[in-house]
C-alpha atoms as a PDB file:
ATOM      1  CA  MET A   1      29.479  72.752 151.048  1.00  0.00           C
ATOM      2  CA  THR A   2      30.047  72.109 147.375  1.00  0.00           C
ATOM      3  CA  ALA A   3      28.947  68.916 145.667  1.00  0.00           C
ATOM      4  CA  ASP A   4      32.466  67.761 144.853  1.00  0.00           C
ATOM      5  CA  VAL A   5      33.671  67.798 148.489  1.00  0.00           C
ATOM      6  CA  THR A   6      34.639  64.403 149.869  1.00  0.00           C
ATOM      7  CA  ARG A   7      35.298  63.317 153.429  1.00  0.00           C
ATOM      8  CA  ARG A   8      37.932  60.643 153.807  1.00  0.00           C
ATOM      9  CA  VAL A   9      37.832  58.218 156.715  1.00  0.00           C
ATOM     10  CA  LEU A  10      40.494  55.717 157.804  1.00  0.00           C
ATOM     11  CA  CYS A  11      39.453  52.736 159.964  1.00  0.00           C
ATOM     12  CA  ILE A  12      41.865  50.225 161.491  1.00  0.00           C
ATOM     13  CA  ASP A  13      40.918  46.921 163.119  1.00  0.00           C
ATOM     14  CA  GLY A  14      42.254  45.419 166.317  1.00  0.00           C
ATOM     15  CA  GLY A  15      44.636  42.465 166.236  1.00  0.00           C
ATOM     16  CA  GLY A  16      47.556  42.773 168.657  1.00  0.00           C
ATOM     17  CA  ILE A  17      50.946  42.356 167.011  1.00  0.00           C
ATOM     18  CA  LYS A  18      49.124  41.841 163.718  1.00  0.00           C
ATOM     19  CA  GLY A  19      48.876  45.624 163.720  1.00  0.00           C
ATOM     20  CA  VAL A  20      52.214  45.357 161.917  1.00  0.00           C
ATOM     21  CA  PHE A  21      50.190  44.708 158.751  1.00  0.00           C
ATOM     22  CA  PRO A  22      48.238  48.021 158.653  1.00  0.00           C
ATOM     23  CA  ALA A  23      51.302  49.919 159.937  1.00  0.00           C
ATOM     24  CA  SER A  24      53.412  48.476 157.116  1.00  0.00           C
ATOM     25  CA  PHE A  25      50.628  49.064 154.581  1.00  0.00           C
ATOM     26  CA  LEU A  26      50.354  52.738 155.538  1.00  0.00           C
ATOM     27  CA  SER A  27      54.141  53.136 155.720  1.00  0.00           C
ATOM     28  CA  THR A  28      54.499  51.947 152.118  1.00  0.00           C
ATOM     29  CA  ILE A  29      51.749  54.359 151.048  1.00  0.00           C
ATOM     30  CA  GLU A  30      53.620  57.166 152.819  1.00  0.00           C
ATOM     31  CA  GLN A  31      56.820  56.352 150.993  1.00  0.00           C
ATOM     32  CA  SER A  32      54.998  56.707 147.683  1.00  0.00           C
ATOM     33  CA  LEU A  33      53.302  59.958 148.702  1.00  0.00           C
ATOM     34  CA  GLY A  34      56.382  61.531 150.243  1.00  0.00           C
ATOM     35  CA  THR A  35      54.303  62.919 153.114  1.00  0.00           C
ATOM     36  CA  ARG A  36      52.385  61.712 156.188  1.00  0.00           C
ATOM     37  CA  VAL A  37      49.433  59.495 155.361  1.00  0.00           C
ATOM     38  CA  ALA A  38      47.310  61.118 158.092  1.00  0.00           C
ATOM     39  CA  ASP A  39      47.258  64.353 156.074  1.00  0.00           C
ATOM     40  CA  TYR A  40      44.855  62.682 153.654  1.00  0.00           C
ATOM     41  CA  PHE A  41      42.087  61.826 156.122  1.00  0.00           C
ATOM     42  CA  ASP A  42      39.402  63.852 157.914  1.00  0.00           C
ATOM     43  CA  LEU A  43      38.596  61.200 160.518  1.00  0.00           C
ATOM     44  CA  ILE A  44      40.626  58.259 161.850  1.00  0.00           C
ATOM     45  CA  VAL A  45      39.005  55.459 163.845  1.00  0.00           C
ATOM     46  CA  GLY A  46      40.832  52.516 165.400  1.00  0.00           C
ATOM     47  CA  THR A  47      40.232  49.727 167.897  1.00  0.00           C
ATOM     48  CA  SER A  48      42.862  48.115 170.139  1.00  0.00           C
ATOM     49  CA  THR A  49      46.103  47.923 168.123  1.00  0.00           C
ATOM     50  CA  GLY A  50      44.269  49.965 165.482  1.00  0.00           C
ATOM     51  CA  GLY A  51      43.515  52.522 168.176  1.00  0.00           C
ATOM     52  CA  ILE A  52      47.219  52.802 168.981  1.00  0.00           C
ATOM     53  CA  ILE A  53      47.954  53.426 165.298  1.00  0.00           C
ATOM     54  CA  ALA A  54      45.128  55.970 165.073  1.00  0.00           C
ATOM     55  CA  LEU A  55      46.427  57.834 168.133  1.00  0.00           C
ATOM     56  CA  GLY A  56      49.948  57.868 166.751  1.00  0.00           C
ATOM     57  CA  LEU A  57      48.821  59.236 163.395  1.00  0.00           C
ATOM     58  CA  GLY A  58      46.705  61.898 165.087  1.00  0.00           C
ATOM     59  CA  LEU A  59      49.597  62.974 167.315  1.00  0.00           C
ATOM     60  CA  GLY A  60      51.893  63.518 164.359  1.00  0.00           C
ATOM     61  CA  LEU A  61      53.786  60.244 164.135  1.00  0.00           C
ATOM     62  CA  SER A  62      54.338  58.850 160.682  1.00  0.00           C
ATOM     63  CA  ALA A  63      53.213  55.369 159.729  1.00  0.00           C
ATOM     64  CA  SER A  64      56.908  54.484 159.476  1.00  0.00           C
ATOM     65  CA  ASP A  65      57.366  55.593 163.100  1.00  0.00           C
ATOM     66  CA  LEU A  66      54.521  53.301 164.113  1.00  0.00           C
ATOM     67  CA  LEU A  67      55.921  50.388 162.148  1.00  0.00           C
ATOM     68  CA  ARG A  68      59.196  50.805 164.029  1.00  0.00           C
ATOM     69  CA  PHE A  69      57.196  50.910 167.278  1.00  0.00           C
ATOM     70  CA  TYR A  70      55.861  47.416 166.586  1.00  0.00           C
ATOM     71  CA  GLN A  71      59.172  46.050 165.369  1.00  0.00           C
ATOM     72  CA  GLU A  72      61.206  47.403 168.270  1.00  0.00           C
ATOM     73  CA  ARG A  73      58.690  47.226 171.132  1.00  0.00           C
ATOM     74  CA  GLY A  74      56.510  44.274 170.123  1.00  0.00           C
ATOM     75  CA  PRO A  75      58.829  41.509 171.397  1.00  0.00           C
ATOM     76  CA  ALA A  76      59.052  43.121 174.846  1.00  0.00           C
ATOM     77  CA  ILE A  77      55.289  43.742 175.061  1.00  0.00           C
ATOM     78  CA  PHE A  78      54.445  40.113 174.309  1.00  0.00           C
ATOM     79  CA  ASN A  79      57.114  38.457 176.410  1.00  0.00           C
ATOM     80  CA  GLY A  80      57.552  36.852 179.803  1.00  0.00           C
ATOM     81  CA  ASN A  81      55.410  33.752 180.168  1.00  0.00           C
ATOM     82  CA  GLY A  82      57.075  31.066 178.056  1.00  0.00           C
ATOM     83  CA  GLN A  83      55.527  27.616 177.941  1.00  0.00           C
ATOM     84  CA  MET A  84      53.530  28.260 181.120  1.00  0.00           C
ATOM     85  CA  GLY A  85      51.647  31.142 179.503  1.00  0.00           C
ATOM     86  CA  TRP A  86      48.581  29.032 178.672  1.00  0.00           C
ATOM     87  CA  ILE A  87      48.288  27.903 182.296  1.00  0.00           C
ATOM     88  CA  ARG A  88      48.616  31.459 183.601  1.00  0.00           C
ATOM     89  CA  GLN A  89      45.970  32.527 181.105  1.00  0.00           C
ATOM     90  CA  LEU A  90      43.407  30.225 182.739  1.00  0.00           C
ATOM     91  CA  PHE A  91      43.479  32.328 185.910  1.00  0.00           C
ATOM     92  CA  ARG A  92      44.811  35.773 184.992  1.00  0.00           C
ATOM     93  CA  ALA A  93      45.896  37.907 182.066  1.00  0.00           C
ATOM     94  CA  LYS A  94      48.703  36.355 180.045  1.00  0.00           C
ATOM     95  CA  TYR A  95      50.900  39.470 179.951  1.00  0.00           C
ATOM     96  CA  ASN A  96      51.937  42.143 182.405  1.00  0.00           C
ATOM     97  CA  PRO A  97      50.876  45.518 180.948  1.00  0.00           C
ATOM     98  CA  GLN A  98      53.981  47.328 182.225  1.00  0.00           C
ATOM     99  CA  ALA A  99      55.963  46.796 179.015  1.00  0.00           C
ATOM    100  CA  LEU A 100      53.058  48.079 176.933  1.00  0.00           C
ATOM    101  CA  GLN A 101      52.667  51.135 179.148  1.00  0.00           C
ATOM    102  CA  GLN A 102      56.385  51.906 178.957  1.00  0.00           C
ATOM    103  CA  ALA A 103      56.351  51.567 175.167  1.00  0.00           C
ATOM    104  CA  LEU A 104      53.336  53.849 174.828  1.00  0.00           C
ATOM    105  CA  SER A 105      54.828  56.416 177.202  1.00  0.00           C
ATOM    106  CA  ALA A 106      58.017  56.486 175.117  1.00  0.00           C
ATOM    107  CA  ALA A 107      55.995  56.957 171.916  1.00  0.00           C
ATOM    108  CA  PHE A 108      53.340  59.428 173.080  1.00  0.00           C
ATOM    109  CA  GLY A 109      54.990  61.131 176.056  1.00  0.00           C
ATOM    110  CA  SER A 110      52.656  63.352 178.053  1.00  0.00           C
ATOM    111  CA  ARG A 111      50.489  64.320 175.103  1.00  0.00           C
ATOM    112  CA  ARG A 112      46.739  64.225 175.494  1.00  0.00           C
ATOM    113  CA  LEU A 113      43.978  63.030 173.207  1.00  0.00           C
ATOM    114  CA  GLY A 114      43.234  66.706 172.684  1.00  0.00           C
ATOM    115  CA  ASP A 115      46.660  67.204 171.107  1.00  0.00           C
ATOM    116  CA  SER A 116      45.595  65.196 168.074  1.00  0.00           C
ATOM    117  CA  ARG A 117      45.745  67.010 164.751  1.00  0.00           C
ATOM    118  CA  LYS A 118      42.986  64.763 163.442  1.00  0.00           C
ATOM    119  CA  ARG A 119      39.499  63.816 164.551  1.00  0.00           C
ATOM    120  CA  LEU A 120      39.803  60.503 166.395  1.00  0.00           C
ATOM    121  CA  VAL A 121      37.351  57.870 167.626  1.00  0.00           C
ATOM    122  CA  ILE A 122      38.746  55.056 169.815  1.00  0.00           C
ATOM    123  CA  PRO A 123      36.366  52.361 171.187  1.00  0.00           C
ATOM    124  CA  SER A 124      36.735  50.605 174.548  1.00  0.00           C
ATOM    125  CA  PHE A 125      34.247  48.910 176.897  1.00  0.00           C
ATOM    126  CA  ASN A 126      33.190  49.600 180.498  1.00  0.00           C
ATOM    127  CA  VAL A 127      33.055  46.274 182.357  1.00  0.00           C
ATOM    128  CA  GLU A 128      31.470  47.880 185.427  1.00  0.00           C
ATOM    129  CA  THR A 129      28.314  49.071 183.679  1.00  0.00           C
ATOM    130  CA  GLY A 130      28.332  46.913 180.544  1.00  0.00           C
ATOM    131  CA  GLU A 131      28.271  50.037 178.381  1.00  0.00           C
ATOM    132  CA  VAL A 132      30.433  51.031 175.465  1.00  0.00           C
ATOM    133  CA  HIS A 133      33.052  53.685 176.205  1.00  0.00           C
ATOM    134  CA  VAL A 134      34.182  55.609 173.140  1.00  0.00           C
ATOM    135  CA  TRP A 135      37.061  58.078 173.370  1.00  0.00           C
ATOM    136  CA  LYS A 136      36.715  61.053 171.025  1.00  0.00           C
ATOM    137  CA  THR A 137      38.562  64.239 170.213  1.00  0.00           C
ATOM    138  CA  ALA A 138      36.584  67.481 170.676  1.00  0.00           C
ATOM    139  CA  HIS A 139      35.157  67.448 167.163  1.00  0.00           C
ATOM    140  CA  HIS A 140      31.624  68.292 168.326  1.00  0.00           C
ATOM    141  CA  PRO A 141      30.448  70.833 170.932  1.00  0.00           C
ATOM    142  CA  ARG A 142      29.062  68.126 173.224  1.00  0.00           C
ATOM    143  CA  LEU A 143      32.412  66.292 173.413  1.00  0.00           C
ATOM    144  CA  GLU A 144      33.762  68.201 176.413  1.00  0.00           C
ATOM    145  CA  ARG A 145      35.865  65.798 178.505  1.00  0.00           C
ATOM    146  CA  ASP A 146      37.844  63.180 176.600  1.00  0.00           C
ATOM    147  CA  TYR A 147      40.321  65.653 175.122  1.00  0.00           C
ATOM    148  CA  ALA A 148      41.962  66.111 178.550  1.00  0.00           C
ATOM    149  CA  HIS A 149      42.879  62.442 178.997  1.00  0.00           C
ATOM    150  CA  SER A 150      46.374  61.253 178.187  1.00  0.00           C
ATOM    151  CA  ALA A 151      46.966  59.410 174.934  1.00  0.00           C
ATOM    152  CA  VAL A 152      48.629  56.621 176.931  1.00  0.00           C
ATOM    153  CA  GLU A 153      45.488  56.128 179.006  1.00  0.00           C
ATOM    154  CA  VAL A 154      43.308  55.934 175.891  1.00  0.00           C
ATOM    155  CA  ALA A 155      45.681  53.447 174.261  1.00  0.00           C
ATOM    156  CA  LEU A 156      45.915  51.210 177.337  1.00  0.00           C
ATOM    157  CA  SER A 157      42.131  51.047 177.671  1.00  0.00           C
ATOM    158  CA  THR A 158      41.387  50.185 174.053  1.00  0.00           C
ATOM    159  CA  GLY A 159      44.265  47.683 174.037  1.00  0.00           C
ATOM    160  CA  ALA A 160      43.332  45.765 177.208  1.00  0.00           C
ATOM    161  CA  ALA A 161      42.455  42.574 175.308  1.00  0.00           C
ATOM    162  CA  PRO A 162      40.707  40.069 177.614  1.00  0.00           C
ATOM    163  CA  THR A 163      42.944  37.116 178.634  1.00  0.00           C
ATOM    164  CA  TYR A 164      46.017  38.901 177.219  1.00  0.00           C
ATOM    165  CA  PHE A 165      46.115  42.082 179.328  1.00  0.00           C
ATOM    166  CA  PRO A 166      44.320  42.932 182.581  1.00  0.00           C
ATOM    167  CA  THR A 167      41.420  45.346 182.758  1.00  0.00           C
ATOM    168  CA  TYR A 168      42.674  48.930 182.652  1.00  0.00           C
ATOM    169  CA  LYS A 169      41.553  51.207 185.481  1.00  0.00           C
ATOM    170  CA  ALA A 170      41.214  54.741 184.160  1.00  0.00           C
ATOM    171  CA  GLN A 171      42.226  57.653 186.386  1.00  0.00           C
ATOM    172  CA  SER A 172      38.528  58.132 187.136  1.00  0.00           C
ATOM    173  CA  GLY A 173      38.367  54.534 188.381  1.00  0.00           C
ATOM    174  CA  THR A 174      36.389  53.272 185.394  1.00  0.00           C
ATOM    175  CA  PRO A 175      37.397  49.679 184.500  1.00  0.00           C
ATOM    176  CA  LEU A 176      37.904  49.476 180.733  1.00  0.00           C
ATOM    177  CA  ILE A 177      38.815  46.709 178.309  1.00  0.00           C
ATOM    178  CA  ASP A 178      39.563  46.310 174.619  1.00  0.00           C
ATOM    179  CA  GLY A 179      37.006  47.897 172.303  1.00  0.00           C
ATOM    180  CA  GLY A 180      37.385  44.794 170.171  1.00  0.00           C
ATOM    181  CA  VAL A 181      34.760  43.000 172.278  1.00  0.00           C
ATOM    182  CA  TRP A 182      32.136  45.012 170.395  1.00  0.00           C
ATOM    183  CA  ALA A 183      33.860  46.885 167.569  1.00  0.00           C
ATOM    184  CA  ASN A 184      37.034  45.087 166.524  1.00  0.00           C
ATOM    185  CA  ASN A 185      36.267  46.248 162.992  1.00  0.00           C
ATOM    186  CA  PRO A 186      35.213  49.848 163.725  1.00  0.00           C
ATOM    187  CA  VAL A 187      34.007  50.794 160.249  1.00  0.00           C
ATOM    188  CA  ALA A 188      30.323  51.011 161.246  1.00  0.00           C
ATOM    189  CA  ILE A 189      31.235  53.167 164.268  1.00  0.00           C
ATOM    190  CA  ALA A 190      33.175  55.467 161.954  1.00  0.00           C
ATOM    191  CA  THR A 191      30.288  55.765 159.511  1.00  0.00           C
ATOM    192  CA  VAL A 192      27.786  56.586 162.252  1.00  0.00           C
ATOM    193  CA  GLU A 193      30.188  59.184 163.683  1.00  0.00           C
ATOM    194  CA  ALA A 194      30.668  60.789 160.281  1.00  0.00           C
ATOM    195  CA  ILE A 195      26.974  60.969 159.430  1.00  0.00           C
ATOM    196  CA  GLY A 196      25.264  61.179 162.810  1.00  0.00           C
ATOM    197  CA  VAL A 197      27.693  63.335 164.820  1.00  0.00           C
ATOM    198  CA  LEU A 198      29.727  65.304 162.304  1.00  0.00           C
ATOM    199  CA  GLY A 199      26.781  65.781 159.964  1.00  0.00           C
ATOM    200  CA  TRP A 200      28.622  64.763 156.822  1.00  0.00           C
ATOM    201  CA  GLN A 201      26.598  63.518 153.882  1.00  0.00           C
ATOM    202  CA  ALA A 202      26.799  59.797 153.162  1.00  0.00           C
ATOM    203  CA  SER A 203      27.461  60.594 149.510  1.00  0.00           C
ATOM    204  CA  GLU A 204      30.615  62.507 150.523  1.00  0.00           C
ATOM    205  CA  LEU A 205      32.250  59.634 152.386  1.00  0.00           C
ATOM    206  CA  ARG A 206      35.211  57.651 151.124  1.00  0.00           C
ATOM    207  CA  ILE A 207      36.174  55.008 153.690  1.00  0.00           C
ATOM    208  CA  LEU A 208      39.384  52.966 153.788  1.00  0.00           C
ATOM    209  CA  SER A 209      39.012  50.026 156.193  1.00  0.00           C
ATOM    210  CA  LEU A 210      42.170  48.096 157.106  1.00  0.00           C
ATOM    211  CA  GLY A 211      42.057  44.733 158.836  1.00  0.00           C
ATOM    212  CA  CYS A 212      44.972  42.889 160.414  1.00  0.00           C
ATOM    213  CA  THR A 213      44.756  39.952 157.967  1.00  0.00           C
ATOM    214  CA  THR A 214      41.844  37.490 157.884  1.00  0.00           C
ATOM    215  CA  GLN A 215      41.803  33.764 158.562  1.00  0.00           C
ATOM    216  CA  PRO A 216      39.242  31.551 156.809  1.00  0.00           C
ATOM    217  CA  PHE A 217      36.284  31.010 159.101  1.00  0.00           C
ATOM    218  CA  ASP A 218      36.135  27.347 160.111  1.00  0.00           C
ATOM    219  CA  ILE A 219      33.672  25.788 162.518  1.00  0.00           C
ATOM    220  CA  ASP A 220      33.214  22.357 160.906  1.00  0.00           C
ATOM    221  CA  TRP A 221      31.680  20.698 163.970  1.00  0.00           C
ATOM    222  CA  GLY A 222      28.910  23.274 164.081  1.00  0.00           C
ATOM    223  CA  ARG A 223      27.673  22.359 160.616  1.00  0.00           C
ATOM    224  CA  LYS A 224      26.793  18.803 161.668  1.00  0.00           C
ATOM    225  CA  HIS A 225      26.287  18.937 165.425  1.00  0.00           C
ATOM    226  CA  SER A 226      24.968  21.309 168.038  1.00  0.00           C
ATOM    227  CA  LEU A 227      27.751  23.293 169.691  1.00  0.00           C
ATOM    228  CA  GLY A 228      28.169  22.420 173.364  1.00  0.00           C
ATOM    229  CA  LYS A 229      30.181  24.450 175.832  1.00  0.00           C
ATOM    230  CA  LEU A 230      33.530  22.816 175.093  1.00  0.00           C
ATOM    231  CA  ALA A 231      33.239  22.979 171.302  1.00  0.00           C
ATOM    232  CA  CYS A 232      31.919  26.522 171.402  1.00  0.00           C
ATOM    233  CA  ALA A 233      34.596  27.727 173.843  1.00  0.00           C
ATOM    234  CA  THR A 234      37.391  26.921 171.416  1.00  0.00           C
ATOM    235  CA  LYS A 235      35.699  28.799 168.570  1.00  0.00           C
ATOM    236  CA  ILE A 236      33.777  31.557 170.298  1.00  0.00           C
ATOM    237  CA  THR A 237      36.309  34.337 169.669  1.00  0.00           C
ATOM    238  CA  ASP A 238      36.584  33.518 165.973  1.00  0.00           C
ATOM    239  CA  LEU A 239      32.805  33.330 165.746  1.00  0.00           C
ATOM    240  CA  PHE A 240      32.177  36.690 167.411  1.00  0.00           C
ATOM    241  CA  MET A 241      34.983  38.505 165.594  1.00  0.00           C
ATOM    242  CA  THR A 242      33.940  37.233 162.185  1.00  0.00           C
ATOM    243  CA  ALA A 243      30.281  38.039 162.779  1.00  0.00           C
ATOM    244  CA  GLN A 244      31.057  41.531 164.062  1.00  0.00           C
ATOM    245  CA  SER A 245      33.355  42.386 161.165  1.00  0.00           C
ATOM    246  CA  VAL A 246      30.992  41.097 158.493  1.00  0.00           C
ATOM    247  CA  SER A 247      28.012  42.905 160.007  1.00  0.00           C
ATOM    248  CA  ALA A 248      29.958  46.164 160.412  1.00  0.00           C
ATOM    249  CA  THR A 249      31.054  46.082 156.784  1.00  0.00           C
ATOM    250  CA  GLY A 250      27.547  45.211 155.618  1.00  0.00           C
ATOM    251  CA  MET A 251      25.898  48.004 157.617  1.00  0.00           C
ATOM    252  CA  THR A 252      28.363  50.521 156.236  1.00  0.00           C
ATOM    253  CA  GLN A 253      27.710  49.413 152.666  1.00  0.00           C
ATOM    254  CA  HIS A 254      23.977  49.927 153.221  1.00  0.00           C
ATOM    255  CA  LEU A 255      24.539  53.421 154.622  1.00  0.00           C
ATOM    256  CA  LEU A 256      26.603  54.540 151.631  1.00  0.00           C
ATOM    257  CA  PRO A 257      24.802  55.404 148.372  1.00  0.00           C
ATOM    258  CA  ASP A 258      27.645  53.733 146.501  1.00  0.00           C
ATOM    259  CA  ARG A 259      29.129  50.703 148.241  1.00  0.00           C
ATOM    260  CA  ASN A 260      32.285  51.118 146.134  1.00  0.00           C
ATOM    261  CA  ASN A 261      33.081  54.140 148.332  1.00  0.00           C
ATOM    262  CA  LEU A 262      34.091  51.649 151.024  1.00  0.00           C
ATOM    263  CA  VAL A 263      37.394  49.876 150.395  1.00  0.00           C
ATOM    264  CA  ARG A 264      38.144  46.990 152.739  1.00  0.00           C
ATOM    265  CA  ILE A 265      41.671  45.548 152.761  1.00  0.00           C
ATOM    266  CA  SER A 266      42.433  42.550 154.958  1.00  0.00           C
ATOM    267  CA  PRO A 267      44.158  39.774 153.003  1.00  0.00           C
ATOM    268  CA  THR A 268      43.195  36.186 153.731  1.00  0.00           C
ATOM    269  CA  VAL A 269      46.015  34.115 155.191  1.00  0.00           C
ATOM    270  CA  GLY A 270      46.343  30.489 156.237  1.00  0.00           C
ATOM    271  CA  LYS A 271      44.524  29.161 159.267  1.00  0.00           C
ATOM    272  CA  THR A 272      46.515  29.912 162.473  1.00  0.00           C
ATOM    273  CA  ARG A 273      49.154  31.629 160.289  1.00  0.00           C
ATOM    274  CA  PHE A 274      49.295  34.634 162.613  1.00  0.00           C
ATOM    275  CA  GLU A 275      48.282  35.108 166.231  1.00  0.00           C
ATOM    276  CA  LEU A 276      47.668  38.208 168.314  1.00  0.00           C
ATOM    277  CA  ASP A 277      50.951  37.751 170.197  1.00  0.00           C
ATOM    278  CA  ARG A 278      53.162  35.785 167.783  1.00  0.00           C
ATOM    279  CA  VAL A 279      56.022  38.270 167.470  1.00  0.00           C
ATOM    280  CA  SER A 280      58.153  35.872 165.412  1.00  0.00           C
ATOM    281  CA  GLU A 281      55.933  36.730 162.437  1.00  0.00           C
ATOM    282  CA  ILE A 282      56.578  40.479 162.494  1.00  0.00           C
ATOM    283  CA  PRO A 283      58.807  40.316 159.357  1.00  0.00           C
ATOM    284  CA  SER A 284      56.152  38.352 157.453  1.00  0.00           C
ATOM    285  CA  LEU A 285      53.389  40.761 158.451  1.00  0.00           C
ATOM    286  CA  ARG A 286      55.539  43.670 157.350  1.00  0.00           C
ATOM    287  CA  GLY A 287      56.147  42.004 153.992  1.00  0.00           C
ATOM    288  CA  ILE A 288      52.447  41.331 153.413  1.00  0.00           C
ATOM    289  CA  GLY A 289      51.609  44.943 154.292  1.00  0.00           C
ATOM    290  CA  ASP A 290      54.161  46.268 151.829  1.00  0.00           C
ATOM    291  CA  CYS A 291      52.974  43.914 149.055  1.00  0.00           C
ATOM    292  CA  GLU A 292      49.280  44.723 149.554  1.00  0.00           C
ATOM    293  CA  ALA A 293      49.966  48.473 149.551  1.00  0.00           C
ATOM    294  CA  ARG A 294      51.857  48.285 146.273  1.00  0.00           C
ATOM    295  CA  LYS A 295      48.976  46.403 144.673  1.00  0.00           C
ATOM    296  CA  ALA A 296      46.261  48.662 146.100  1.00  0.00           C
ATOM    297  CA  LEU A 297      47.803  52.105 145.568  1.00  0.00           C
ATOM    298  CA  PRO A 298      46.651  52.583 141.936  1.00  0.00           C
ATOM    299  CA  GLN A 299      43.049  52.008 143.085  1.00  0.00           C
ATOM    300  CA  LEU A 300      43.397  54.027 146.290  1.00  0.00           C
ATOM    301  CA  ARG A 301      45.209  57.071 144.916  1.00  0.00           C
ATOM    302  CA  PRO A 302      42.242  58.730 143.122  1.00  0.00           C
ATOM    303  CA  MET A 303      39.884  58.004 146.038  1.00  0.00           C
ATOM    304  CA  PHE A 304      42.090  58.914 148.995  1.00  0.00           C
ATOM    305  CA  PHE A 305      45.514  60.209 148.018  1.00  0.00           C
ATOM    306  CA  ASN A 306      45.098  62.662 145.164  1.00  0.00           C
ATOM    307  CA  ALA A 307      45.649  65.605 147.548  1.00  0.00           C
ATOM    308  CA  PRO A 308      45.784  66.242 151.314  1.00  0.00           C
ATOM    309  CA  VAL A 309      42.553  67.297 152.991  1.00  0.00           C
ATOM    310  CA  GLN A 310      41.937  70.997 152.599  1.00  0.00           C
ATOM    311  CA  GLU A 311      40.124  71.711 155.870  1.00  0.00           C
ATOM    312  CA  ASP A 312      42.175  71.839 159.071  1.00  0.00           C
ATOM    313  CA  PHE A 313      40.719  70.171 162.152  1.00  0.00           C
ATOM    314  CA  VAL A 314      39.846  72.879 164.668  1.00  0.00           C
ATOM    315  CA  PRO A 315      38.685  71.336 167.981  1.00  0.00           C
ATOM    316  CA  CYS A 316      35.569  72.727 169.629  1.00  0.00           C
ATOM    317  CA  ARG A 317      36.594  74.630 172.740  1.00  0.00           C
ATOM    318  CA  PRO A 318      35.157  73.078 175.918  1.00  0.00           C
ATOM    319  CA  VAL A 319      32.806  75.274 177.961  1.00  0.00           C
ATOM    320  CA  SER A 320      35.330  75.491 180.813  1.00  0.00           C
ATOM    321  CA  GLU A 321      37.987  76.920 178.511  1.00  0.00           C
ATOM    322  CA  GLN A 322      35.508  79.362 177.000  1.00  0.00           C
ATOM    323  CA  LYS A 323      34.712  80.731 180.460  1.00  0.00           C
ATOM    324  CA  GLU A 324      38.416  81.101 181.300  1.00  0.00           C
ATOM    325  CA  ALA A 325      38.966  83.115 178.109  1.00  0.00           C
ATOM    326  CA  ARG A 326      36.292  85.679 178.970  1.00  0.00           C
END
């Protein structure tokens, strides 16, 4: 491998309907490039809503297709509980997953994870064993099974956000939930995959990490008083998500010889400005994505978008298929 080779990695956070932001961001980039944005990346990693975007890009959908997916399907996915939703959420998941499954089936059809044209990594979590469950394309000889699973199944498992959607039971019976409980910002997972599994040099990596907007971290009570159960319960998600994202970004910066080779884009917005299921803000999220892409493109073009990747992704053939071919 020559010294001037670079490996470009795209990472996309979880965030429910706030996935409109990265979808809009990438759609605007595509419009400027005149070709699919996925063609410019060697590895795409996404959690929850970011996992849905990653799957779509890998399966050949454009970012514009995915933006339309959120605009057209989002209101139906996050609908049905009205003012009683908060009461329902005390005892069961807020939303029925049927609308999400129907939307994903319409977008992905019967295609499998193994039909992806790009290397993909999609985190979820096994609530039976307490272990991480990471879906991967067959981009390494030891990755023999995930490729056969349907893209819809992978998307439903990484998107099963606790309290919003029920636990997803995989065809194998494995109970899976949103990968955001441990890797909502999957940039560190992507970096480890690139270096530790794919064997790429850290100096080769150029990583674009897209959040779903960021709210200022605010836990005023905790600065002056100890946090009891009630105070902590109202802030615990913000606390965990902020800590995980900051640590993931920091670890990645330490792994890269030049921390400038990681570009993180997740604009800060007002407190409670956007919520995971607030579909009324889809137009605003789209506008912010478009604006941020226009500002960032001059910086991003030489790092990520000067030319499509030159090496095609050729999946490793599973042992079972090798035996059948003999």
